[in-house]
C-alpha atoms as a PDB file:
ATOM      1  CA  MET A   1     -11.516 -12.804 -15.771  1.00  0.00           C
ATOM      2  CA  SER A   2     -12.931 -13.128 -11.935  1.00  0.00           C
ATOM      3  CA  THR A   3     -12.241 -10.659  -9.057  1.00  0.00           C
ATOM      4  CA  ASN A   4     -14.472 -12.612  -6.612  1.00  0.00           C
ATOM      5  CA  LEU A   5     -12.433 -13.988  -2.875  1.00  0.00           C
ATOM      6  CA  LYS A   6     -14.815 -16.399  -2.082  1.00  0.00           C
ATOM      7  CA  ASP A   7     -13.846 -18.262   1.462  1.00  0.00           C
ATOM      8  CA  LYS A   8     -10.230 -16.406   1.206  1.00  0.00           C
ATOM      9  CA  THR A   9      -8.687 -14.366   3.878  1.00  0.00           C
ATOM     10  CA  VAL A  10      -6.678 -11.506   3.174  1.00  0.00           C
ATOM     11  CA  LEU A  11      -4.651  -9.435   5.608  1.00  0.00           C
ATOM     12  CA  VAL A  12      -4.796  -5.626   5.237  1.00  0.00           C
ATOM     13  CA  VAL A  13      -1.978  -3.902   7.093  1.00  0.00           C
ATOM     14  CA  GLY A  14      -2.353  -0.107   7.446  1.00  0.00           C
ATOM     15  CA  ARG A  15      -4.753   2.494   8.989  1.00  0.00           C
ATOM     16  CA  GLY A  16      -8.757   2.339   9.382  1.00  0.00           C
ATOM     17  CA  SER A  17      -9.058   4.652   6.724  1.00  0.00           C
ATOM     18  CA  GLY A  18      -7.654   6.103   2.896  1.00  0.00           C
ATOM     19  CA  ILE A  19      -6.647   3.426   1.213  1.00  0.00           C
ATOM     20  CA  ALA A  20      -6.648   0.304   3.778  1.00  0.00           C
ATOM     21  CA  ARG A  21      -9.394   1.397   4.420  1.00  0.00           C
ATOM     22  CA  ALA A  22     -11.123   0.676   0.621  1.00  0.00           C
ATOM     23  CA  VAL A  23      -9.109  -2.194   0.219  1.00  0.00           C
ATOM     24  CA  GLY A  24     -10.772  -3.449   3.064  1.00  0.00           C
ATOM     25  CA  ASP A  25     -14.362  -2.576   1.765  1.00  0.00           C
ATOM     26  CA  ALA A  26     -13.553  -3.990  -2.215  1.00  0.00           C
ATOM     27  CA  ALA A  27     -11.914  -7.521  -0.237  1.00  0.00           C
ATOM     28  CA  LEU A  28     -15.068  -7.659   1.598  1.00  0.00           C
ATOM     29  CA  ALA A  29     -17.290  -6.693  -0.926  1.00  0.00           C
ATOM     30  CA  ALA A  30     -15.510  -9.491  -2.960  1.00  0.00           C
ATOM     31  CA  GLY A  31     -16.675 -12.146  -0.642  1.00  0.00           C
ATOM     32  CA  ALA A  32     -13.211 -12.477   1.636  1.00  0.00           C
ATOM     33  CA  ARG A  33     -12.428 -12.484   5.301  1.00  0.00           C
ATOM     34  CA  VAL A  34     -10.514  -9.627   5.968  1.00  0.00           C
ATOM     35  CA  ILE A  35      -8.696  -9.144   8.596  1.00  0.00           C
ATOM     36  CA  ALA A  36      -6.937  -5.550   9.725  1.00  0.00           C
ATOM     37  CA  ALA A  37      -3.882  -5.121  11.086  1.00  0.00           C
ATOM     38  CA  GLY A  38      -1.792  -2.156  12.661  1.00  0.00           C
ATOM     39  CA  ARG A  39      -0.343  -0.533  15.820  1.00  0.00           C
ATOM     40  CA  ASP A  40      -3.348   1.175  17.062  1.00  0.00           C
ATOM     41  CA  ARG A  41      -5.644  -1.294  17.190  1.00  0.00           C
ATOM     42  CA  ALA A  42      -7.735   0.336  19.096  1.00  0.00           C
ATOM     43  CA  ALA A  43      -8.423   3.031  16.437  1.00  0.00           C
ATOM     44  CA  LEU A  44      -9.141   0.172  13.979  1.00  0.00           C
ATOM     45  CA  GLN A  45     -11.486  -1.402  16.380  1.00  0.00           C
ATOM     46  CA  GLU A  46     -13.518   1.771  16.169  1.00  0.00           C
ATOM     47  CA  SER A  47     -12.920   2.229  12.529  1.00  0.00           C
ATOM     48  CA  TYR A  48     -14.007  -1.255  11.736  1.00  0.00           C
ATOM     49  CA  GLY A  49     -17.118  -1.347  14.213  1.00  0.00           C
ATOM     50  CA  ASP A  50     -19.579  -2.218  11.846  1.00  0.00           C
ATOM     51  CA  THR A  51     -18.321  -4.540   9.318  1.00  0.00           C
ATOM     52  CA  GLU A  52     -17.021  -8.088   9.538  1.00  0.00           C
ATOM     53  CA  VAL A  53     -13.423  -7.282   9.174  1.00  0.00           C
ATOM     54  CA  THR A  54     -11.552  -8.702  11.965  1.00  0.00           C
ATOM     55  CA  VAL A  55      -9.050  -6.630  13.529  1.00  0.00           C
ATOM     56  CA  ALA A  56      -5.180  -7.509  15.067  1.00  0.00           C
ATOM     57  CA  THR A  57      -1.969  -5.859  15.936  1.00  0.00           C
ATOM     58  CA  VAL A  58       0.798  -6.027  14.218  1.00  0.00           C
ATOM     59  CA  ASP A  59       4.447  -3.505  14.363  1.00  0.00           C
ATOM     60  CA  LEU A  60       5.667  -3.393  10.569  1.00  0.00           C
ATOM     61  CA  THR A  61       9.010  -1.981  12.335  1.00  0.00           C
ATOM     62  CA  ASP A  62       8.956  -5.260  15.271  1.00  0.00           C
ATOM     63  CA  GLU A  63       9.792  -8.087  13.283  1.00  0.00           C
ATOM     64  CA  GLY A  64       8.722 -10.264  16.446  1.00  0.00           C
ATOM     65  CA  SER A  65       5.195  -8.511  16.161  1.00  0.00           C
ATOM     66  CA  ILE A  66       5.282  -9.598  12.478  1.00  0.00           C
ATOM     67  CA  LYS A  67       6.056 -13.454  14.015  1.00  0.00           C
ATOM     68  CA  ALA A  68       3.588 -13.365  16.496  1.00  0.00           C
ATOM     69  CA  LEU A  69       0.750 -12.279  14.235  1.00  0.00           C
ATOM     70  CA  ALA A  70       1.880 -14.428  11.770  1.00  0.00           C
ATOM     71  CA  ALA A  71       1.563 -17.210  14.686  1.00  0.00           C
ATOM     72  CA  GLU A  72      -1.532 -15.833  15.779  1.00  0.00           C
ATOM     73  CA  LEU A  73      -3.748 -16.211  12.340  1.00  0.00           C
ATOM     74  CA  GLY A  74      -2.014 -19.043  10.877  1.00  0.00           C
ATOM     75  CA  ALA A  75      -2.527 -19.549   6.823  1.00  0.00           C
ATOM     76  CA  VAL A  76      -3.958 -16.465   5.230  1.00  0.00           C
ATOM     77  CA  ASP A  77      -4.757 -16.078   1.302  1.00  0.00           C
ATOM     78  CA  HIS A  78      -3.383 -12.731   0.662  1.00  0.00           C
ATOM     79  CA  VAL A  79      -1.635 -10.399   2.482  1.00  0.00           C
ATOM     80  CA  VAL A  80      -1.128  -6.149   1.279  1.00  0.00           C
ATOM     81  CA  SER A  81       0.779  -3.705   3.323  1.00  0.00           C
ATOM     82  CA  THR A  82      -0.739   0.284   2.706  1.00  0.00           C
ATOM     83  CA  ALA A  83       1.436   0.638   5.783  1.00  0.00           C
ATOM     84  CA  SER A  84       3.904   4.034   5.091  1.00  0.00           C
ATOM     85  CA  ALA A  85       6.106   6.539   6.832  1.00  0.00           C
ATOM     86  CA  ARG A  86       6.836   9.556   4.481  1.00  0.00           C
ATOM     87  CA  ALA A  87      10.484  10.860   5.174  1.00  0.00           C
ATOM     88  CA  ARG A  88       9.790  14.038   3.748  1.00  0.00           C
ATOM     89  CA  GLY A  89      11.557  17.074   3.330  1.00  0.00           C
ATOM     90  CA  LEU A  90      15.261  18.534   1.245  1.00  0.00           C
ATOM     91  CA  VAL A  91      18.094  16.271   1.888  1.00  0.00           C
ATOM     92  CA  SER A  92      20.063  19.284   3.582  1.00  0.00           C
ATOM     93  CA  GLU A  93      16.613  18.726   6.066  1.00  0.00           C
ATOM     94  CA  LEU A  94      16.902  15.251   6.076  1.00  0.00           C
ATOM     95  CA  GLU A  95      17.623  13.294   9.237  1.00  0.00           C
ATOM     96  CA  PRO A  96      18.385   9.835   9.669  1.00  0.00           C
ATOM     97  CA  GLU A  97      16.044   8.692  11.653  1.00  0.00           C
ATOM     98  CA  ALA A  98      13.070   9.439   9.405  1.00  0.00           C
ATOM     99  CA  ILE A  99      14.727   8.008   6.476  1.00  0.00           C
ATOM    100  CA  VAL A 100      15.315   5.071   8.486  1.00  0.00           C
ATOM    101  CA  ARG A 101      11.565   4.682   9.884  1.00  0.00           C
ATOM    102  CA  SER A 102      10.730   5.038   6.000  1.00  0.00           C
ATOM    103  CA  PHE A 103      12.460   1.876   5.333  1.00  0.00           C
ATOM    104  CA  HIS A 104      11.546  -0.226   8.097  1.00  0.00           C
ATOM    105  CA  THR A 105       7.685   0.188   7.454  1.00  0.00           C
ATOM    106  CA  LYS A 106       7.372  -0.307   3.785  1.00  0.00           C
ATOM    107  CA  VAL A 107      10.633  -2.297   3.333  1.00  0.00           C
ATOM    108  CA  VAL A 108      11.807  -4.498   5.293  1.00  0.00           C
ATOM    109  CA  GLY A 109       8.692  -4.198   7.039  1.00  0.00           C
ATOM    110  CA  PRO A 110       7.207  -5.885   4.194  1.00  0.00           C
ATOM    111  CA  ILE A 111       9.879  -7.840   3.761  1.00  0.00           C
ATOM    112  CA  MET A 112       9.117  -9.612   6.954  1.00  0.00           C
ATOM    113  CA  LEU A 113       6.040 -10.073   6.325  1.00  0.00           C
ATOM    114  CA  ALA A 114       6.943 -12.250   3.159  1.00  0.00           C
ATOM    115  CA  LYS A 115       9.333 -13.908   5.436  1.00  0.00           C
ATOM    116  CA  HIS A 116       6.735 -14.931   8.126  1.00  0.00           C
ATOM    117  CA  PHE A 117       3.597 -15.556   6.115  1.00  0.00           C
ATOM    118  CA  ALA A 118       5.182 -17.161   3.462  1.00  0.00           C
ATOM    119  CA  PRO A 119       5.866 -20.603   4.505  1.00  0.00           C
ATOM    120  CA  THR A 120       1.983 -21.236   4.852  1.00  0.00           C
ATOM    121  CA  MET A 121       0.478 -19.324   2.220  1.00  0.00           C
ATOM    122  CA  PRO A 122      -1.469 -21.455  -0.679  1.00  0.00           C
ATOM    123  CA  ALA A 123       0.097 -21.221  -3.868  1.00  0.00           C
ATOM    124  CA  GLY A 124      -2.382 -19.162  -4.969  1.00  0.00           C
ATOM    125  CA  GLY A 125      -1.934 -16.827  -2.817  1.00  0.00           C
ATOM    126  CA  SER A 126       0.024 -12.828  -2.710  1.00  0.00           C
ATOM    127  CA  PHE A 127       1.433 -10.535  -1.855  1.00  0.00           C
ATOM    128  CA  VAL A 128       0.574  -6.978  -2.617  1.00  0.00           C
ATOM    129  CA  LEU A 129       3.011  -3.906  -0.900  1.00  0.00           C
ATOM    130  CA  PHE A 130       3.008  -0.463  -2.574  1.00  0.00           C
ATOM    131  CA  SER A 131       5.355   1.996  -4.058  1.00  0.00           C
ATOM    132  CA  GLY A 132       4.323   5.780  -4.600  1.00  0.00           C
ATOM    133  CA  VAL A 133       4.771   7.979  -7.943  1.00  0.00           C
ATOM    134  CA  ALA A 134       7.552  10.144  -6.393  1.00  0.00           C
ATOM    135  CA  ALA A 135       9.761   6.592  -7.446  1.00  0.00           C
ATOM    136  CA  LEU A 136       9.701   7.886 -10.786  1.00  0.00           C
ATOM    137  CA  GLU A 137       9.025  11.420 -10.357  1.00  0.00           C
ATOM    138  CA  PRO A 138      11.494  13.160  -8.658  1.00  0.00           C
ATOM    139  CA  ASP A 139      11.066  16.463  -7.118  1.00  0.00           C
ATOM    140  CA  PRO A 140      12.883  18.701  -4.431  1.00  0.00           C
ATOM    141  CA  GLY A 141      11.255  17.500  -0.916  1.00  0.00           C
ATOM    142  CA  TYR A 142      10.144  13.835  -1.862  1.00  0.00           C
ATOM    143  CA  LEU A 143      13.959  12.474  -1.415  1.00  0.00           C
ATOM    144  CA  GLY A 144      13.345  10.250   1.355  1.00  0.00           C
ATOM    145  CA  VAL A 145      10.154   9.528  -0.168  1.00  0.00           C
ATOM    146  CA  ALA A 146      11.261   7.982  -3.883  1.00  0.00           C
ATOM    147  CA  ALA A 147      14.243   6.206  -2.537  1.00  0.00           C
ATOM    148  CA  THR A 148      11.718   4.240  -0.193  1.00  0.00           C
ATOM    149  CA  ASN A 149       9.490   3.377  -2.728  1.00  0.00           C
ATOM    150  CA  GLY A 150      12.178   2.957  -5.661  1.00  0.00           C
ATOM    151  CA  ALA A 151      13.260   0.086  -3.586  1.00  0.00           C
ATOM    152  CA  VAL A 152       9.712  -1.022  -2.928  1.00  0.00           C
ATOM    153  CA  ASN A 153       9.605  -1.647  -6.733  1.00  0.00           C
ATOM    154  CA  THR A 154      13.016  -3.553  -6.647  1.00  0.00           C
ATOM    155  CA  VAL A 155      11.900  -6.000  -3.653  1.00  0.00           C
ATOM    156  CA  VAL A 156       9.002  -7.107  -5.132  1.00  0.00           C
ATOM    157  CA  ARG A 157      10.904  -8.515  -8.376  1.00  0.00           C
ATOM    158  CA  SER A 158      12.624 -10.435  -6.053  1.00  0.00           C
ATOM    159  CA  LEU A 159      10.680 -11.780  -3.912  1.00  0.00           C
ATOM    160  CA  ALA A 160       8.054 -12.643  -6.813  1.00  0.00           C
ATOM    161  CA  VAL A 161      10.907 -14.997  -8.149  1.00  0.00           C
ATOM    162  CA  GLU A 162      12.070 -16.039  -4.698  1.00  0.00           C
ATOM    163  CA  LEU A 163       8.339 -16.912  -3.386  1.00  0.00           C
ATOM    164  CA  ALA A 164       7.467 -18.294  -7.121  1.00  0.00           C
ATOM    165  CA  PRO A 165       4.666 -19.738  -6.929  1.00  0.00           C
ATOM    166  CA  ILE A 166       3.034 -17.251  -4.147  1.00  0.00           C
ATOM    167  CA  ARG A 167       2.605 -13.514  -6.594  1.00  0.00           C
ATOM    168  CA  VAL A 168       3.874 -10.297  -5.405  1.00  0.00           C
ATOM    169  CA  ASN A 169       2.780  -7.293  -6.346  1.00  0.00           C
ATOM    170  CA  ALA A 170       3.125  -3.818  -6.081  1.00  0.00           C
ATOM    171  CA  ILE A 171       1.242  -0.594  -6.460  1.00  0.00           C
ATOM    172  CA  SER A 172       2.118   2.415  -7.043  1.00  0.00           C
ATOM    173  CA  PRO A 173      -0.704   5.533  -6.413  1.00  0.00           C
ATOM    174  CA  GLY A 174       0.175   9.376  -7.317  1.00  0.00           C
ATOM    175  CA  THR A 175      -1.857  11.705  -5.530  1.00  0.00           C
ATOM    176  CA  ILE A 176      -4.619   9.957  -4.076  1.00  0.00           C
ATOM    177  CA  ASP A 177      -7.417  12.204  -1.827  1.00  0.00           C
ATOM    178  CA  THR A 178      -7.159   9.910   1.207  1.00  0.00           C
ATOM    179  CA  GLY A 179      -8.250  13.405   3.789  1.00  0.00           C
ATOM    180  CA  ALA A 180      -3.845  13.353   4.243  1.00  0.00           C
ATOM    181  CA  TRP A 181      -4.431  16.566   2.621  1.00  0.00           C
ATOM    182  CA  ASP A 182      -7.052  17.764   4.120  1.00  0.00           C
ATOM    183  CA  PRO A 183      -4.671  19.832   6.909  1.00  0.00           C
ATOM    184  CA  LEU A 184      -3.743  22.442   4.527  1.00  0.00           C
ATOM    185  CA  GLY A 185      -6.939  24.162   4.908  1.00  0.00           C
ATOM    186  CA  GLU A 186     -10.080  23.479   2.399  1.00  0.00           C
ATOM    187  CA  GLN A 187      -8.970  26.543   0.194  1.00  0.00           C
ATOM    188  CA  LYS A 188      -5.446  25.362  -0.375  1.00  0.00           C
ATOM    189  CA  LYS A 189      -6.062  21.868  -0.571  1.00  0.00           C
ATOM    190  CA  ALA A 190      -8.160  22.315  -2.825  1.00  0.00           C
ATOM    191  CA  GLU A 191      -5.802  24.870  -5.188  1.00  0.00           C
ATOM    192  CA  LEU A 192      -3.663  21.935  -5.059  1.00  0.00           C
ATOM    193  CA  PHE A 193      -5.828  19.683  -6.699  1.00  0.00           C
ATOM    194  CA  ALA A 194      -6.760  21.763  -9.409  1.00  0.00           C
ATOM    195  CA  ARG A 195      -2.952  22.966 -10.244  1.00  0.00           C
ATOM    196  CA  LEU A 196      -2.247  18.765  -9.988  1.00  0.00           C
ATOM    197  CA  SER A 197      -5.425  17.692 -11.774  1.00  0.00           C
ATOM    198  CA  ALA A 198      -4.815  20.513 -14.664  1.00  0.00           C
ATOM    199  CA  GLY A 199      -1.363  18.798 -15.055  1.00  0.00           C
ATOM    200  CA  ASN A 200      -2.705  14.651 -14.501  1.00  0.00           C
ATOM    201  CA  PRO A 201      -3.760  13.335 -18.437  1.00  0.00           C
ATOM    202  CA  SER A 202      -6.281  12.288 -16.579  1.00  0.00           C
ATOM    203  CA  GLY A 203      -7.641  15.985 -15.387  1.00  0.00           C
ATOM    204  CA  ARG A 204      -8.670  14.587 -11.995  1.00  0.00           C
ATOM    205  CA  ILE A 205      -7.293  13.377  -8.148  1.00  0.00           C
ATOM    206  CA  GLY A 206      -7.437   9.486  -7.511  1.00  0.00           C
ATOM    207  CA  THR A 207      -9.492   8.340  -4.996  1.00  0.00           C
ATOM    208  CA  PRO A 208      -8.963   5.365  -2.582  1.00  0.00           C
ATOM    209  CA  GLU A 209     -11.494   3.309  -4.433  1.00  0.00           C
ATOM    210  CA  ASP A 210      -9.185   3.580  -7.450  1.00  0.00           C
ATOM    211  CA  VAL A 211      -6.446   2.370  -5.840  1.00  0.00           C
ATOM    212  CA  ALA A 212      -8.395  -0.299  -4.280  1.00  0.00           C
ATOM    213  CA  HIS A 213     -10.046  -1.769  -7.422  1.00  0.00           C
ATOM    214  CA  ALA A 214      -6.011  -2.088  -8.788  1.00  0.00           C
ATOM    215  CA  VAL A 215      -5.282  -4.372  -5.591  1.00  0.00           C
ATOM    216  CA  LEU A 216      -8.408  -6.322  -6.266  1.00  0.00           C
ATOM    217  CA  PHE A 217      -6.927  -7.094  -9.588  1.00  0.00           C
ATOM    218  CA  ALA A 218      -3.403  -8.003  -8.085  1.00  0.00           C
ATOM    219  CA  LEU A 219      -5.160 -10.321  -5.718  1.00  0.00           C
ATOM    220  CA  THR A 220      -7.537 -12.099  -8.749  1.00  0.00           C
ATOM    221  CA  ASN A 221      -4.813 -11.944 -11.488  1.00  0.00           C
ATOM    222  CA  THR A 222      -3.275 -15.036 -10.985  1.00  0.00           C
ATOM    223  CA  PHE A 223      -0.563 -14.424 -14.789  1.00  0.00           C
ATOM    224  CA  LEU A 224       0.404 -11.572 -12.441  1.00  0.00           C
ATOM    225  CA  THR A 225       3.266 -11.149 -10.873  1.00  0.00           C
ATOM    226  CA  GLY A 226       6.459  -8.972 -10.216  1.00  0.00           C
ATOM    227  CA  THR A 227       4.894  -5.841 -11.666  1.00  0.00           C
ATOM    228  CA  CYS A 228       4.493  -2.361  -9.786  1.00  0.00           C
ATOM    229  CA  LEU A 229       0.982  -1.113 -10.878  1.00  0.00           C
ATOM    230  CA  ALA A 230       0.938   2.668 -11.858  1.00  0.00           C
ATOM    231  CA  VAL A 231      -2.701   3.647 -10.009  1.00  0.00           C
ATOM    232  CA  ASP A 232      -1.498   7.359 -11.013  1.00  0.00           C
ATOM    233  CA  GLY A 233      -4.044   9.065 -13.804  1.00  0.00           C
ATOM    234  CA  GLY A 234      -0.554   9.732 -15.941  1.00  0.00           C
ATOM    235  CA  GLN A 235       0.803  12.151 -13.498  1.00  0.00           C
ATOM    236  CA  PRO A 236       4.940  11.215 -14.642  1.00  0.00           C
ATOM    237  CA  LEU A 237       4.238  12.337 -17.977  1.00  0.00           C
ATOM    238  CA  ARG A 238       3.069  15.919 -16.688  1.00  0.00           C
ATOM    239  CA  VAL A 239       7.230  16.294 -16.911  1.00  0.00           C
ATOM    240  CA  ALA A 240       7.189  15.214 -20.653  1.00  0.00           C
ATOM    241  CA  THR A 241       4.079  16.970 -22.217  1.00  0.00           C
ATOM    242  CA  GLY A 242       6.468  20.249 -19.954  1.00  0.00           C
ATOM    243  CA  THR A 243       2.617  20.626 -17.392  1.00  0.00           C
END
């Protein structure tokens, strides 16, 4: 299988760091023309200023913004949506607004991306959405996240049928060291990662590059559609093994 994206245009929706940045870098290395889009255009310009990535503005909670971006860019070959707005908290703490925002960002927004980009996408094009390990590993405090990710898995299967031969897949990361855990402080972060690593069959925490490799596979494997690829080090298996 070739991972060559030469002469292909890849739109990556998300921030200019972590997984989104790793995906953009991987697509560039594979020869693609990369467009990074998100709500904070200035932050994207600062992040990608030393690269050949083009930046654009989009708000996944606003269909008008998505429609405008599709009109601005015209046909693209692949769309990758990494954006999220996690609704964390126990059910007793969850606010409806947080759940709605999570769904709009990770479920409704990507559906609107498909609505406005698929009509001009070539038959060999694809969408890659992002689910997550919480859909398979129920954990107190992650109900909103799990519900959102479970919905993404369903959306991918439905879109894969409706948009065929355009392919639609999802990536489901486990715990990834994107910098999101840095606010815990160095010691607490190290303790958390050590505990999680000990329970994972892979024996370690994931990296943004691990996820980016899976995205590149999904973009370039033309016999892959309607699938959610787990890049989680076997994290859900901790329950089965009792660790």
